[in-house]
Amino acid sequence: MIELTNEIFEETVLKSELPVLVDFSATWCGPCKKVAPIVEKIGEDYAGKVVVVKCDVEECEEVARRYGIMNIPTVLYFKNGEVVDKNVGAAPEKVFIEKLEKLL
């Protein structure tokens, strides 16, 4: 899984030819720790179909601010450089899968 930084955001997310799932989280966030293994599994299961990246809001303050991330975990789904869906808070794996499948 790619650890996102402000510097590689545009190239990795906005210019990606594949749909992108961005997991905004923080190391100290309990619900984020529940979502992390789900997101990692999705990254493995959808390798080559979807780009899955992790964005620590403390490391990527600029990106988090740009997309108005107020609560974590927040997952944004990008297609063709645009946010097309989002998920705020912890959720079961099937919720993330359903949203991803709509992008494929």
PDB file of N, CA and C in Angstrom:
ATOM      1  N   MET A   1       0.849  -1.177   0.000  1.00  0.00           N
ATOM      2  CA  MET A   1       0.000   0.000   0.000  1.00  0.00           C
ATOM      3  C   MET A   1       0.891   1.235   0.000  1.00  0.00           C
ATOM      4  N   ILE A   2       0.488   2.213  -0.777  1.00  0.00           N
ATOM      5  CA  ILE A   2       1.254   3.452  -0.901  1.00  0.00           C
ATOM      6  C   ILE A   2       0.934   4.380   0.266  1.00  0.00           C
ATOM      7  N   GLU A   3       1.973   4.901   0.899  1.00  0.00           N
ATOM      8  CA  GLU A   3       1.812   5.916   1.944  1.00  0.00           C
ATOM      9  C   GLU A   3       1.862   7.263   1.232  1.00  0.00           C
ATOM     10  N   LEU A   4       0.761   7.952   1.232  1.00  0.00           N
ATOM     11  CA  LEU A   4       0.635   9.204   0.496  1.00  0.00           C
ATOM     12  C   LEU A   4       1.328  10.351   1.210  1.00  0.00           C
ATOM     13  N   THR A   5       1.889  11.258   0.425  1.00  0.00           N
ATOM     14  CA  THR A   5       2.430  12.515   0.946  1.00  0.00           C
ATOM     15  C   THR A   5       1.835  13.634   0.106  1.00  0.00           C
ATOM     16  N   ASN A   6       1.933  14.859   0.601  1.00  0.00           N
ATOM     17  CA  ASN A   6       1.450  16.010  -0.164  1.00  0.00           C
ATOM     18  C   ASN A   6       2.125  16.066  -1.535  1.00  0.00           C
ATOM     19  N   GLU A   7       3.406  15.690  -1.578  1.00  0.00           N
ATOM     20  CA  GLU A   7       4.198  15.816  -2.803  1.00  0.00           C
ATOM     21  C   GLU A   7       3.780  14.828  -3.895  1.00  0.00           C
ATOM     22  N   ILE A   8       3.348  13.629  -3.515  1.00  0.00           N
ATOM     23  CA  ILE A   8       3.008  12.637  -4.538  1.00  0.00           C
ATOM     24  C   ILE A   8       1.504  12.487  -4.755  1.00  0.00           C
ATOM     25  N   PHE A   9       0.701  13.298  -4.071  1.00  0.00           N
ATOM     26  CA  PHE A   9      -0.751  13.168  -4.171  1.00  0.00           C
ATOM     27  C   PHE A   9      -1.244  13.313  -5.604  1.00  0.00           C
ATOM     28  N   GLU A  10      -0.854  14.378  -6.265  1.00  0.00           N
ATOM     29  CA  GLU A  10      -1.376  14.632  -7.608  1.00  0.00           C
ATOM     30  C   GLU A  10      -1.027  13.496  -8.563  1.00  0.00           C
ATOM     31  N   GLU A  11       0.236  13.093  -8.563  1.00  0.00           N
ATOM     32  CA  GLU A  11       0.682  12.031  -9.470  1.00  0.00           C
ATOM     33  C   GLU A  11       0.010  10.698  -9.144  1.00  0.00           C
ATOM     34  N   THR A  12      -0.077  10.373  -7.864  1.00  0.00           N
ATOM     35  CA  THR A  12      -0.598   9.076  -7.441  1.00  0.00           C
ATOM     36  C   THR A  12      -2.115   8.979  -7.538  1.00  0.00           C
ATOM     37  N   VAL A  13      -2.818  10.047  -7.180  1.00  0.00           N
ATOM     38  CA  VAL A  13      -4.276   9.994  -7.096  1.00  0.00           C
ATOM     39  C   VAL A  13      -4.945  10.680  -8.289  1.00  0.00           C
ATOM     40  N   LEU A  14      -4.633  11.937  -8.508  1.00  0.00           N
ATOM     41  CA  LEU A  14      -5.353  12.707  -9.529  1.00  0.00           C
ATOM     42  C   LEU A  14      -5.026  12.291 -10.952  1.00  0.00           C
ATOM     43  N   LYS A  15      -3.806  11.806 -11.177  1.00  0.00           N
ATOM     44  CA  LYS A  15      -3.403  11.417 -12.536  1.00  0.00           C
ATOM     45  C   LYS A  15      -3.494   9.913 -12.781  1.00  0.00           C
ATOM     46  N   SER A  16      -4.014   9.175 -11.814  1.00  0.00           N
ATOM     47  CA  SER A  16      -4.107   7.723 -11.957  1.00  0.00           C
ATOM     48  C   SER A  16      -5.130   7.353 -13.028  1.00  0.00           C
ATOM     49  N   GLU A  17      -4.784   6.365 -13.834  1.00  0.00           N
ATOM     50  CA  GLU A  17      -5.718   5.866 -14.837  1.00  0.00           C
ATOM     51  C   GLU A  17      -6.694   4.869 -14.216  1.00  0.00           C
ATOM     52  N   LEU A  18      -6.350   4.365 -13.049  1.00  0.00           N
ATOM     53  CA  LEU A  18      -7.224   3.438 -12.332  1.00  0.00           C
ATOM     54  C   LEU A  18      -7.998   4.200 -11.260  1.00  0.00           C
ATOM     55  N   PRO A  19      -9.142   3.673 -10.830  1.00  0.00           N
ATOM     56  CA  PRO A  19      -9.820   4.270  -9.669  1.00  0.00           C
ATOM     57  C   PRO A  19      -8.885   4.221  -8.456  1.00  0.00           C
ATOM     58  N   VAL A  20      -9.045   5.183  -7.542  1.00  0.00           N
ATOM     59  CA  VAL A  20      -8.174   5.260  -6.371  1.00  0.00           C
ATOM     60  C   VAL A  20      -9.019   5.333  -5.102  1.00  0.00           C
ATOM     61  N   LEU A  21      -8.652   4.523  -4.127  1.00  0.00           N
ATOM     62  CA  LEU A  21      -9.260   4.566  -2.800  1.00  0.00           C
ATOM     63  C   LEU A  21      -8.222   5.205  -1.880  1.00  0.00           C
ATOM     64  N   VAL A  22      -8.591   6.318  -1.247  1.00  0.00           N
ATOM     65  CA  VAL A  22      -7.680   7.009  -0.325  1.00  0.00           C
ATOM     66  C   VAL A  22      -8.246   6.896   1.088  1.00  0.00           C
ATOM     67  N   ASP A  23      -7.479   6.256   1.963  1.00  0.00           N
ATOM     68  CA  ASP A  23      -7.856   6.079   3.357  1.00  0.00           C
ATOM     69  C   ASP A  23      -7.184   7.168   4.193  1.00  0.00           C
ATOM     70  N   PHE A  24      -7.967   8.161   4.634  1.00  0.00           N
ATOM     71  CA  PHE A  24      -7.465   9.228   5.507  1.00  0.00           C
ATOM     72  C   PHE A  24      -7.599   8.743   6.942  1.00  0.00           C
ATOM     73  N   SER A  25      -6.473   8.715   7.660  1.00  0.00           N
ATOM     74  CA  SER A  25      -6.477   8.181   9.017  1.00  0.00           C
ATOM     75  C   SER A  25      -5.362   8.828   9.830  1.00  0.00           C
ATOM     76  N   ALA A  26      -5.192   8.335  11.059  1.00  0.00           N
ATOM     77  CA  ALA A  26      -4.093   8.772  11.928  1.00  0.00           C
ATOM     78  C   ALA A  26      -3.700   7.585  12.803  1.00  0.00           C
ATOM     79  N   THR A  27      -2.450   7.558  13.206  1.00  0.00           N
ATOM     80  CA  THR A  27      -1.946   6.428  13.987  1.00  0.00           C
ATOM     81  C   THR A  27      -2.636   6.302  15.348  1.00  0.00           C
ATOM     82  N   TRP A  28      -3.102   7.402  15.908  1.00  0.00           N
ATOM     83  CA  TRP A  28      -3.714   7.385  17.236  1.00  0.00           C
ATOM     84  C   TRP A  28      -5.221   7.103  17.213  1.00  0.00           C
ATOM     85  N   CYS A  29      -5.798   6.951  16.040  1.00  0.00           N
ATOM     86  CA  CYS A  29      -7.253   6.816  15.881  1.00  0.00           C
ATOM     87  C   CYS A  29      -7.698   5.356  15.976  1.00  0.00           C
ATOM     88  N   GLY A  30      -8.508   5.039  16.986  1.00  0.00           N
ATOM     89  CA  GLY A  30      -8.999   3.679  17.185  1.00  0.00           C
ATOM     90  C   GLY A  30      -9.797   3.128  16.006  1.00  0.00           C
ATOM     91  N   PRO A  31     -10.829   3.835  15.551  1.00  0.00           N
ATOM     92  CA  PRO A  31     -11.599   3.342  14.397  1.00  0.00           C
ATOM     93  C   PRO A  31     -10.731   3.174  13.141  1.00  0.00           C
ATOM     94  N   CYS A  32      -9.711   4.011  12.999  1.00  0.00           N
ATOM     95  CA  CYS A  32      -8.801   3.897  11.851  1.00  0.00           C
ATOM     96  C   CYS A  32      -8.068   2.559  11.889  1.00  0.00           C
ATOM     97  N   LYS A  33      -7.730   2.117  13.085  1.00  0.00           N
ATOM     98  CA  LYS A  33      -7.025   0.840  13.244  1.00  0.00           C
ATOM     99  C   LYS A  33      -7.919  -0.337  12.851  1.00  0.00           C
ATOM    100  N   LYS A  34      -9.241  -0.159  12.993  1.00  0.00           N
ATOM    101  CA  LYS A  34     -10.176  -1.209  12.580  1.00  0.00           C
ATOM    102  C   LYS A  34     -10.319  -1.238  11.059  1.00  0.00           C
ATOM    103  N   VAL A  35     -10.260  -0.075  10.435  1.00  0.00           N
ATOM    104  CA  VAL A  35     -10.425   0.026   8.979  1.00  0.00           C
ATOM    105  C   VAL A  35      -9.147  -0.375   8.240  1.00  0.00           C
ATOM    106  N   ALA A  36      -7.992  -0.124   8.833  1.00  0.00           N
ATOM    107  CA  ALA A  36      -6.706  -0.357   8.163  1.00  0.00           C
ATOM    108  C   ALA A  36      -6.554  -1.757   7.568  1.00  0.00           C
ATOM    109  N   PRO A  37      -6.822  -2.838   8.316  1.00  0.00           N
ATOM    110  CA  PRO A  37      -6.654  -4.163   7.718  1.00  0.00           C
ATOM    111  C   PRO A  37      -7.635  -4.419   6.570  1.00  0.00           C
ATOM    112  N   ILE A  38      -8.816  -3.838   6.650  1.00  0.00           N
ATOM    113  CA  ILE A  38      -9.807  -3.978   5.573  1.00  0.00           C
ATOM    114  C   ILE A  38      -9.276  -3.316   4.309  1.00  0.00           C
ATOM    115  N   VAL A  39      -8.766  -2.104   4.456  1.00  0.00           N
ATOM    116  CA  VAL A  39      -8.240  -1.361   3.310  1.00  0.00           C
ATOM    117  C   VAL A  39      -7.026  -2.088   2.725  1.00  0.00           C
ATOM    118  N   GLU A  40      -6.170  -2.625   3.579  1.00  0.00           N
ATOM    119  CA  GLU A  40      -4.998  -3.363   3.095  1.00  0.00           C
ATOM    120  C   GLU A  40      -5.419  -4.601   2.309  1.00  0.00           C
ATOM    121  N   LYS A  41      -6.422  -5.312   2.793  1.00  0.00           N
ATOM    122  CA  LYS A  41      -6.924  -6.505   2.097  1.00  0.00           C
ATOM    123  C   LYS A  41      -7.511  -6.110   0.741  1.00  0.00           C
ATOM    124  N   ILE A  42      -8.262  -5.035   0.701  1.00  0.00           N
ATOM    125  CA  ILE A  42      -8.835  -4.556  -0.565  1.00  0.00           C
ATOM    126  C   ILE A  42      -7.710  -4.235  -1.541  1.00  0.00           C
ATOM    127  N   GLY A  43      -6.656  -3.604  -1.040  1.00  0.00           N
ATOM    128  CA  GLY A  43      -5.506  -3.290  -1.884  1.00  0.00           C
ATOM    129  C   GLY A  43      -4.908  -4.535  -2.511  1.00  0.00           C
ATOM    130  N   GLU A  44      -4.842  -5.607  -1.743  1.00  0.00           N
ATOM    131  CA  GLU A  44      -4.307  -6.877  -2.255  1.00  0.00           C
ATOM    132  C   GLU A  44      -5.291  -7.524  -3.234  1.00  0.00           C
ATOM    133  N   ASP A  45      -6.568  -7.565  -2.841  1.00  0.00           N
ATOM    134  CA  ASP A  45      -7.586  -8.230  -3.664  1.00  0.00           C
ATOM    135  C   ASP A  45      -7.828  -7.513  -4.994  1.00  0.00           C
ATOM    136  N   TYR A  46      -7.660  -6.204  -5.012  1.00  0.00           N
ATOM    137  CA  TYR A  46      -7.950  -5.413  -6.213  1.00  0.00           C
ATOM    138  C   TYR A  46      -6.689  -4.888  -6.896  1.00  0.00           C
ATOM    139  N   ALA A  47      -5.544  -5.483  -6.582  1.00  0.00           N
ATOM    140  CA  ALA A  47      -4.283  -5.059  -7.200  1.00  0.00           C
ATOM    141  C   ALA A  47      -4.419  -5.116  -8.722  1.00  0.00           C
ATOM    142  N   GLY A  48      -3.985  -4.041  -9.381  1.00  0.00           N
ATOM    143  CA  GLY A  48      -4.072  -3.973 -10.833  1.00  0.00           C
ATOM    144  C   GLY A  48      -5.384  -3.413 -11.348  1.00  0.00           C
ATOM    145  N   LYS A  49      -6.389  -3.329 -10.455  1.00  0.00           N
ATOM    146  CA  LYS A  49      -7.697  -2.789 -10.835  1.00  0.00           C
ATOM    147  C   LYS A  49      -7.960  -1.445 -10.163  1.00  0.00           C
ATOM    148  N   VAL A  50      -7.436  -1.307  -8.933  1.00  0.00           N
ATOM    149  CA  VAL A  50      -7.657  -0.115  -8.118  1.00  0.00           C
ATOM    150  C   VAL A  50      -6.347   0.231  -7.413  1.00  0.00           C
ATOM    151  N   VAL A  51      -6.063   1.520  -7.281  1.00  0.00           N
ATOM    152  CA  VAL A  51      -4.921   1.976  -6.497  1.00  0.00           C
ATOM    153  C   VAL A  51      -5.435   2.279  -5.094  1.00  0.00           C
ATOM    154  N   VAL A  52      -4.807   1.684  -4.084  1.00  0.00           N
ATOM    155  CA  VAL A  52      -5.219   1.909  -2.701  1.00  0.00           C
ATOM    156  C   VAL A  52      -4.073   2.603  -1.977  1.00  0.00           C
ATOM    157  N   VAL A  53      -4.391   3.765  -1.382  1.00  0.00           N
ATOM    158  CA  VAL A  53      -3.359   4.534  -0.689  1.00  0.00           C
ATOM    159  C   VAL A  53      -3.835   4.928   0.697  1.00  0.00           C
ATOM    160  N   LYS A  54      -2.873   5.107   1.582  1.00  0.00           N
ATOM    161  CA  LYS A  54      -3.142   5.522   2.956  1.00  0.00           C
ATOM    162  C   LYS A  54      -2.606   6.940   3.116  1.00  0.00           C
ATOM    163  N   CYS A  55      -3.395   7.790   3.740  1.00  0.00           N
ATOM    164  CA  CYS A  55      -3.003   9.182   3.938  1.00  0.00           C
ATOM    165  C   CYS A  55      -3.151   9.532   5.417  1.00  0.00           C
ATOM    166  N   ASP A  56      -2.011   9.658   6.112  1.00  0.00           N
ATOM    167  CA  ASP A  56      -2.024  10.066   7.515  1.00  0.00           C
ATOM    168  C   ASP A  56      -2.316  11.571   7.535  1.00  0.00           C
ATOM    169  N   VAL A  57      -3.421  11.954   8.162  1.00  0.00           N
ATOM    170  CA  VAL A  57      -3.839  13.363   8.130  1.00  0.00           C
ATOM    171  C   VAL A  57      -2.818  14.298   8.763  1.00  0.00           C
ATOM    172  N   GLU A  58      -1.976  13.764   9.641  1.00  0.00           N
ATOM    173  CA  GLU A  58      -0.949  14.607  10.250  1.00  0.00           C
ATOM    174  C   GLU A  58       0.250  14.785   9.321  1.00  0.00           C
ATOM    175  N   GLU A  59       0.466  13.829   8.431  1.00  0.00           N
ATOM    176  CA  GLU A  59       1.559  13.910   7.466  1.00  0.00           C
ATOM    177  C   GLU A  59       1.124  14.638   6.196  1.00  0.00           C
ATOM    178  N   CYS A  60      -0.151  14.559   5.887  1.00  0.00           N
ATOM    179  CA  CYS A  60      -0.712  15.131   4.649  1.00  0.00           C
ATOM    180  C   CYS A  60      -1.750  16.198   4.976  1.00  0.00           C
ATOM    181  N   GLU A  61      -1.384  17.123   5.830  1.00  0.00           N
ATOM    182  CA  GLU A  61      -2.342  18.143   6.252  1.00  0.00           C
ATOM    183  C   GLU A  61      -2.918  18.913   5.068  1.00  0.00           C
ATOM    184  N   GLU A  62      -2.060  19.217   4.101  1.00  0.00           N
ATOM    185  CA  GLU A  62      -2.494  19.992   2.938  1.00  0.00           C
ATOM    186  C   GLU A  62      -3.594  19.254   2.158  1.00  0.00           C
ATOM    187  N   VAL A  63      -3.393  17.975   1.916  1.00  0.00           N
ATOM    188  CA  VAL A  63      -4.377  17.174   1.179  1.00  0.00           C
ATOM    189  C   VAL A  63      -5.657  17.025   2.003  1.00  0.00           C
ATOM    190  N   ALA A  64      -5.527  16.741   3.280  1.00  0.00           N
ATOM    191  CA  ALA A  64      -6.696  16.589   4.150  1.00  0.00           C
ATOM    192  C   ALA A  64      -7.519  17.878   4.176  1.00  0.00           C
ATOM    193  N   ARG A  65      -6.847  18.999   4.249  1.00  0.00           N
ATOM    194  CA  ARG A  65      -7.533  20.298   4.259  1.00  0.00           C
ATOM    195  C   ARG A  65      -8.228  20.541   2.921  1.00  0.00           C
ATOM    196  N   ARG A  66      -7.536  20.233   1.846  1.00  0.00           N
ATOM    197  CA  ARG A  66      -8.067  20.441   0.485  1.00  0.00           C
ATOM    198  C   ARG A  66      -9.393  19.710   0.285  1.00  0.00           C
ATOM    199  N   TYR A  67      -9.517  18.517   0.885  1.00  0.00           N
ATOM    200  CA  TYR A  67     -10.733  17.719   0.718  1.00  0.00           C
ATOM    201  C   TYR A  67     -11.670  17.784   1.923  1.00  0.00           C
ATOM    202  N   GLY A  68     -11.404  18.718   2.827  1.00  0.00           N
ATOM    203  CA  GLY A  68     -12.304  18.966   3.948  1.00  0.00           C
ATOM    204  C   GLY A  68     -12.460  17.784   4.895  1.00  0.00           C
ATOM    205  N   ILE A  69     -11.382  17.057   5.113  1.00  0.00           N
ATOM    206  CA  ILE A  69     -11.441  15.904   6.012  1.00  0.00           C
ATOM    207  C   ILE A  69     -11.531  16.413   7.452  1.00  0.00           C
ATOM    208  N   MET A  70     -12.685  16.201   8.052  1.00  0.00           N
ATOM    209  CA  MET A  70     -12.930  16.659   9.418  1.00  0.00           C
ATOM    210  C   MET A  70     -12.985  15.498  10.406  1.00  0.00           C
ATOM    211  N   ASN A  71     -13.347  14.322   9.930  1.00  0.00           N
ATOM    212  CA  ASN A  71     -13.463  13.133  10.770  1.00  0.00           C
ATOM    213  C   ASN A  71     -12.656  12.011  10.141  1.00  0.00           C
ATOM    214  N   ILE A  72     -12.077  11.194  10.996  1.00  0.00           N
ATOM    215  CA  ILE A  72     -11.339  10.041  10.488  1.00  0.00           C
ATOM    216  C   ILE A  72     -11.826   8.788  11.200  1.00  0.00           C
ATOM    217  N   PRO A  73     -11.785   7.646  10.556  1.00  0.00           N
ATOM    218  CA  PRO A  73     -11.325   7.473   9.192  1.00  0.00           C
ATOM    219  C   PRO A  73     -12.332   8.013   8.170  1.00  0.00           C
ATOM    220  N   THR A  74     -11.813   8.545   7.086  1.00  0.00           N
ATOM    221  CA  THR A  74     -12.609   8.916   5.921  1.00  0.00           C
ATOM    222  C   THR A  74     -11.943   8.272   4.720  1.00  0.00           C
ATOM    223  N   VAL A  75     -12.740   7.620   3.905  1.00  0.00           N
ATOM    224  CA  VAL A  75     -12.235   7.029   2.666  1.00  0.00           C
ATOM    225  C   VAL A  75     -12.866   7.788   1.508  1.00  0.00           C
ATOM    226  N   LEU A  76     -12.011   8.323   0.627  1.00  0.00           N
ATOM    227  CA  LEU A  76     -12.494   8.975  -0.586  1.00  0.00           C
ATOM    228  C   LEU A  76     -12.197   8.073  -1.767  1.00  0.00           C
ATOM    229  N   TYR A  77     -13.137   8.034  -2.689  1.00  0.00           N
ATOM    230  CA  TYR A  77     -12.998   7.236  -3.903  1.00  0.00           C
ATOM    231  C   TYR A  77     -12.853   8.200  -5.074  1.00  0.00           C
ATOM    232  N   PHE A  78     -11.751   8.072  -5.809  1.00  0.00           N
ATOM    233  CA  PHE A  78     -11.471   8.948  -6.941  1.00  0.00           C
ATOM    234  C   PHE A  78     -11.575   8.176  -8.242  1.00  0.00           C
ATOM    235  N   LYS A  79     -12.088   8.837  -9.259  1.00  0.00           N
ATOM    236  CA  LYS A  79     -12.070   8.294 -10.616  1.00  0.00           C
ATOM    237  C   LYS A  79     -11.813   9.465 -11.553  1.00  0.00           C
ATOM    238  N   ASN A  80     -10.833   9.304 -12.417  1.00  0.00           N
ATOM    239  CA  ASN A  80     -10.447  10.366 -13.356  1.00  0.00           C
ATOM    240  C   ASN A  80     -10.122  11.671 -12.627  1.00  0.00           C
ATOM    241  N   GLY A  81      -9.478  11.557 -11.466  1.00  0.00           N
ATOM    242  CA  GLY A  81      -9.039  12.731 -10.728  1.00  0.00           C
ATOM    243  C   GLY A  81     -10.107  13.445  -9.928  1.00  0.00           C
ATOM    244  N   GLU A  82     -11.311  12.894  -9.901  1.00  0.00           N
ATOM    245  CA  GLU A  82     -12.424  13.529  -9.182  1.00  0.00           C
ATOM    246  C   GLU A  82     -12.926  12.617  -8.060  1.00  0.00           C
ATOM    247  N   VAL A  83     -13.353  13.222  -6.949  1.00  0.00           N
ATOM    248  CA  VAL A  83     -13.975  12.455  -5.871  1.00  0.00           C
ATOM    249  C   VAL A  83     -15.372  12.055  -6.354  1.00  0.00           C
ATOM    250  N   VAL A  84     -15.647  10.754  -6.338  1.00  0.00           N
ATOM    251  CA  VAL A  84     -16.948  10.274  -6.803  1.00  0.00           C
ATOM    252  C   VAL A  84     -17.775   9.635  -5.685  1.00  0.00           C
ATOM    253  N   ASP A  85     -17.133   9.361  -4.554  1.00  0.00           N
ATOM    254  CA  ASP A  85     -17.863   8.768  -3.436  1.00  0.00           C
ATOM    255  C   ASP A  85     -17.010   8.912  -2.184  1.00  0.00           C
ATOM    256  N   LYS A  86     -17.626   8.712  -1.022  1.00  0.00           N
ATOM    257  CA  LYS A  86     -16.850   8.746   0.212  1.00  0.00           C
ATOM    258  C   LYS A  86     -17.530   7.933   1.280  1.00  0.00           C
ATOM    259  N   ASN A  87     -16.740   7.598   2.292  1.00  0.00           N
ATOM    260  CA  ASN A  87     -17.214   6.843   3.432  1.00  0.00           C
ATOM    261  C   ASN A  87     -16.584   7.462   4.674  1.00  0.00           C
ATOM    262  N   VAL A  88     -17.395   7.871   5.630  1.00  0.00           N
ATOM    263  CA  VAL A  88     -16.872   8.472   6.850  1.00  0.00           C
ATOM    264  C   VAL A  88     -17.142   7.518   8.005  1.00  0.00           C
ATOM    265  N   GLY A  89     -16.095   7.216   8.761  1.00  0.00           N
ATOM    266  CA  GLY A  89     -16.226   6.313   9.899  1.00  0.00           C
ATOM    267  C   GLY A  89     -15.910   4.881   9.522  1.00  0.00           C
ATOM    268  N   ALA A  90     -15.809   4.039  10.534  1.00  0.00           N
ATOM    269  CA  ALA A  90     -15.528   2.625  10.310  1.00  0.00           C
ATOM    270  C   ALA A  90     -16.748   1.959   9.694  1.00  0.00           C
ATOM    271  N   ALA A  91     -16.494   0.987   8.838  1.00  0.00           N
ATOM    272  CA  ALA A  91     -17.582   0.257   8.182  1.00  0.00           C
ATOM    273  C   ALA A  91     -17.090  -1.146   7.857  1.00  0.00           C
ATOM    274  N   PRO A  92     -18.029  -2.072   7.614  1.00  0.00           N
ATOM    275  CA  PRO A  92     -17.612  -3.420   7.227  1.00  0.00           C
ATOM    276  C   PRO A  92     -17.010  -3.427   5.812  1.00  0.00           C
ATOM    277  N   GLU A  93     -16.249  -4.459   5.542  1.00  0.00           N
ATOM    278  CA  GLU A  93     -15.568  -4.571   4.253  1.00  0.00           C
ATOM    279  C   GLU A  93     -16.531  -4.454   3.075  1.00  0.00           C
ATOM    280  N   LYS A  94     -17.723  -5.046   3.193  1.00  0.00           N
ATOM    281  CA  LYS A  94     -18.664  -5.056   2.064  1.00  0.00           C
ATOM    282  C   LYS A  94     -19.060  -3.641   1.637  1.00  0.00           C
ATOM    283  N   VAL A  95     -19.084  -2.690   2.556  1.00  0.00           N
ATOM    284  CA  VAL A  95     -19.432  -1.302   2.216  1.00  0.00           C
ATOM    285  C   VAL A  95     -18.382  -0.724   1.270  1.00  0.00           C
ATOM    286  N   PHE A  96     -17.112  -0.960   1.569  1.00  0.00           N
ATOM    287  CA  PHE A  96     -16.024  -0.457   0.726  1.00  0.00           C
ATOM    288  C   PHE A  96     -16.040  -1.159  -0.635  1.00  0.00           C
ATOM    289  N   ILE A  97     -16.270  -2.463  -0.619  1.00  0.00           N
ATOM    290  CA  ILE A  97     -16.297  -3.264  -1.859  1.00  0.00           C
ATOM    291  C   ILE A  97     -17.418  -2.789  -2.775  1.00  0.00           C
ATOM    292  N   GLU A  98     -18.614  -2.573  -2.218  1.00  0.00           N
ATOM    293  CA  GLU A  98     -19.744  -2.115  -3.042  1.00  0.00           C
ATOM    294  C   GLU A  98     -19.426  -0.794  -3.725  1.00  0.00           C
ATOM    295  N   LYS A  99     -18.821   0.130  -3.009  1.00  0.00           N
ATOM    296  CA  LYS A  99     -18.483   1.430  -3.592  1.00  0.00           C
ATOM    297  C   LYS A  99     -17.410   1.279  -4.662  1.00  0.00           C
ATOM    298  N   LEU A 100     -16.429   0.417  -4.416  1.00  0.00           N
ATOM    299  CA  LEU A 100     -15.366   0.196  -5.405  1.00  0.00           C
ATOM    300  C   LEU A 100     -15.909  -0.442  -6.670  1.00  0.00           C
ATOM    301  N   GLU A 101     -16.777  -1.418  -6.500  1.00  0.00           N
ATOM    302  CA  GLU A 101     -17.315  -2.126  -7.664  1.00  0.00           C
ATOM    303  C   GLU A 101     -18.042  -1.177  -8.622  1.00  0.00           C
ATOM    304  N   LYS A 102     -18.655  -0.138  -8.077  1.00  0.00           N
ATOM    305  CA  LYS A 102     -19.339   0.859  -8.921  1.00  0.00           C
ATOM    306  C   LYS A 102     -18.354   1.626  -9.799  1.00  0.00           C
ATOM    307  N   LEU A 103     -17.094   1.684  -9.398  1.00  0.00           N
ATOM    308  CA  LEU A 103     -16.088   2.435 -10.140  1.00  0.00           C
ATOM    309  C   LEU A 103     -15.411   1.617 -11.224  1.00  0.00           C
ATOM    310  N   LEU A 104     -15.558   0.312 -11.174  1.00  0.00           N
ATOM    311  CA  LEU A 104     -14.850  -0.561 -12.125  1.00  0.00           C
ATOM    312  C   LEU A 104     -15.622  -0.746 -13.418  1.00  0.00           C
TER     313      LEU A 104
END
